[in-house]
Amino acid sequence: MKKILKFLAILLPWFISGILFRSDTIFYKGLNKPSFAPPSIVFPIVWTILYILIAFSLYLIYKDNDLKDTKEFNKTLLINYFSNQIFSFLFFTLKSPFLALIDTFIVLISSLFLYYEAKEINKTSARLLIPYILWNIFATILIVAIFFMNL
């Protein structure tokens, strides 16, 4: 039971932005989007799966390591977490594809560093971050296309 509660404590904060900053579907539908843009329903499904994988990755790192031993990883995680969380605010609340584009680059770069640093600590943990990186590559391409198509 303690392990489940620890996992949930790691998982739940990843959903904060979805609660605080609702997706403005009218705004999103009104944007010009590339042909490869998935339907809106895909995003919450993919992000839920990714957040579970991220949480499990973090669980593996923190279950066997002291926070002092993961200092660099923690810094990168905080950058990644906050930039990931702020996307919905920038895109849907401020309605700024430009700021969302910059933020998406930060999420992608920090997710690559997160993978690298996780790999130094726990290889299985790092592997769990690969789908997150792949989605971030796709999301970066998508937001670049949306930005330029809506200039």
Protein backbone atom coordinates (compact mmCIF):
# COMPACT_ATOMS: atom_id res chain seq x y z
CA MET A 1 0.00 0.00 0.00
CA LYS A 2 2.87 2.37 0.84
CA LYS A 3 4.41 1.83 -2.61
CA ILE A 4 1.09 2.64 -4.31
CA LEU A 5 0.72 5.85 -2.30
CA LYS A 6 4.29 6.87 -3.14
CA PHE A 7 3.62 6.21 -6.83
CA LEU A 8 0.40 8.25 -6.71
CA ALA A 9 2.21 11.09 -4.94
CA ILE A 10 4.66 11.16 -7.85
CA LEU A 11 1.96 10.79 -10.53
CA LEU A 12 -0.74 13.25 -9.46
CA PRO A 13 1.25 16.52 -9.76
CA TRP A 14 1.65 15.87 -13.48
CA PHE A 15 -2.09 16.44 -13.93
CA ILE A 16 -2.16 19.87 -12.25
CA SER A 17 -2.03 21.93 -15.44
CA GLY A 18 -4.88 19.94 -16.94
CA ILE A 19 -7.00 20.86 -13.94
CA LEU A 20 -5.91 24.50 -13.65
CA PHE A 21 -5.79 25.39 -17.35
CA ARG A 22 -8.61 23.86 -19.33
CA SER A 23 -8.07 23.24 -23.01
CA ASP A 24 -9.93 25.79 -25.07
CA THR A 25 -11.33 23.52 -27.77
CA ILE A 26 -12.91 26.43 -29.64
CA PHE A 27 -9.51 28.14 -29.85
CA TYR A 28 -7.81 24.90 -30.93
CA LYS A 29 -10.46 24.06 -33.54
CA GLY A 30 -10.17 27.60 -34.97
CA LEU A 31 -6.45 27.23 -35.67
CA ASN A 32 -5.02 26.14 -38.98
CA LYS A 33 -3.41 22.77 -38.35
CA PRO A 34 -1.29 20.42 -40.45
CA SER A 35 -2.83 17.25 -41.84
CA PHE A 36 -0.91 15.15 -39.31
CA ALA A 37 -2.49 16.91 -36.29
CA PRO A 38 -4.33 14.28 -34.25
CA PRO A 39 -7.93 14.80 -33.14
CA SER A 40 -8.27 16.61 -29.80
CA ILE A 41 -9.33 13.42 -27.99
CA VAL A 42 -5.88 11.88 -28.58
CA PHE A 43 -4.05 14.40 -26.39
CA PRO A 44 -5.51 13.53 -22.97
CA ILE A 45 -5.14 9.82 -23.69
CA VAL A 46 -1.50 10.11 -24.75
CA TRP A 47 -0.61 12.46 -21.90
CA THR A 48 -2.21 10.17 -19.32
CA ILE A 49 -0.12 7.25 -20.57
CA LEU A 50 3.01 9.40 -20.67
CA TYR A 51 2.45 10.73 -17.16
CA ILE A 52 2.09 7.18 -15.85
CA LEU A 53 5.36 6.20 -17.55
CA ILE A 54 7.12 9.30 -16.21
CA ALA A 55 5.83 8.63 -12.70
CA PHE A 56 6.98 5.02 -12.82
CA SER A 57 10.37 6.20 -14.09
CA LEU A 58 10.65 8.67 -11.21
CA TYR A 59 9.47 6.04 -8.74
CA LEU A 60 12.32 3.74 -9.84
CA ILE A 61 14.85 6.53 -9.44
CA TYR A 62 13.70 7.70 -6.02
CA LYS A 63 13.03 4.30 -4.45
CA ASP A 64 16.72 3.37 -4.38
CA ASN A 65 18.45 6.76 -4.31
CA ASP A 66 18.81 9.55 -1.84
CA LEU A 67 17.72 13.00 -3.06
CA LYS A 68 21.30 14.22 -2.56
CA ASP A 69 22.50 11.57 -5.02
CA THR A 70 20.09 12.79 -7.69
CA LYS A 71 20.86 16.51 -7.46
CA GLU A 72 21.45 17.15 -11.19
CA PHE A 73 18.56 14.91 -12.16
CA ASN A 74 16.29 16.86 -9.78
CA LYS A 75 17.24 20.19 -11.36
CA THR A 76 16.48 18.89 -14.84
CA LEU A 77 13.26 17.31 -13.63
CA LEU A 78 12.07 20.62 -12.17
CA ILE A 79 12.79 22.47 -15.41
CA ASN A 80 11.02 19.77 -17.39
CA TYR A 81 8.08 19.56 -15.01
CA PHE A 82 7.42 23.31 -14.87
CA SER A 83 7.85 23.82 -18.61
CA ASN A 84 5.56 20.85 -19.28
CA GLN A 85 2.93 22.21 -16.88
CA ILE A 86 3.00 25.77 -18.22
CA PHE A 87 2.26 24.74 -21.83
CA SER A 88 -1.53 24.68 -21.37
CA PHE A 89 -1.47 28.13 -19.81
CA LEU A 90 0.64 29.59 -22.63
CA PHE A 91 -1.29 27.92 -25.44
CA PHE A 92 -4.88 27.77 -24.23
CA THR A 93 -5.14 30.58 -21.68
CA LEU A 94 -2.82 33.17 -23.25
CA LYS A 95 -3.62 31.78 -26.72
CA SER A 96 0.01 32.23 -27.73
CA PRO A 97 1.33 29.62 -30.15
CA PHE A 98 4.65 31.52 -30.10
CA LEU A 99 5.16 31.18 -26.33
CA ALA A 100 3.92 27.59 -26.52
CA LEU A 101 6.49 26.95 -29.26
CA ILE A 102 9.34 28.24 -27.09
CA ASP A 103 8.04 26.22 -24.15
CA THR A 104 7.80 23.07 -26.26
CA PHE A 105 11.46 23.41 -27.21
CA ILE A 106 12.32 23.67 -23.51
CA VAL A 107 10.25 20.56 -22.75
CA LEU A 108 11.94 18.63 -25.56
CA ILE A 109 15.48 19.64 -24.62
CA SER A 110 14.92 19.06 -20.92
CA SER A 111 13.33 15.65 -21.63
CA LEU A 112 16.48 14.64 -23.53
CA PHE A 113 18.62 15.73 -20.57
CA LEU A 114 16.23 13.96 -18.21
CA TYR A 115 16.70 10.73 -20.19
CA TYR A 116 20.48 11.11 -20.16
CA GLU A 117 20.59 11.77 -16.41
CA ALA A 118 18.11 8.98 -15.64
CA LYS A 119 20.27 6.58 -17.65
CA GLU A 120 23.19 7.33 -15.31
CA ILE A 121 21.03 6.37 -12.32
CA ASN A 122 18.68 3.61 -13.56
CA LYS A 123 18.59 2.28 -17.13
CA THR A 124 15.02 0.96 -16.84
CA SER A 125 13.89 4.36 -15.63
CA ALA A 126 15.51 5.98 -18.66
CA ARG A 127 13.83 3.55 -21.07
CA LEU A 128 10.44 4.49 -19.65
CA LEU A 129 11.11 8.08 -20.77
CA ILE A 130 11.61 7.16 -24.45
CA PRO A 131 7.87 7.45 -25.36
CA TYR A 132 7.86 10.88 -23.68
CA ILE A 133 10.80 12.00 -25.82
CA LEU A 134 9.19 10.65 -28.99
CA TRP A 135 5.93 12.45 -28.20
CA ASN A 136 7.86 15.64 -27.46
CA ILE A 137 9.55 15.42 -30.87
CA PHE A 138 6.13 15.03 -32.48
CA ALA A 139 4.67 17.85 -30.35
CA THR A 140 7.53 20.15 -31.34
CA ILE A 141 6.97 19.48 -35.02
CA LEU A 142 3.23 20.00 -34.54
CA ILE A 143 3.54 23.31 -32.67
CA VAL A 144 6.09 24.61 -35.21
CA ALA A 145 3.61 23.82 -37.98
CA ILE A 146 0.69 25.38 -36.07
CA PHE A 147 2.73 28.49 -35.33
CA PHE A 148 3.74 29.07 -38.95
CA MET A 149 0.32 28.17 -40.34
CA ASN A 150 -1.30 30.80 -38.11
CA LEU A 151 1.02 33.78 -38.62
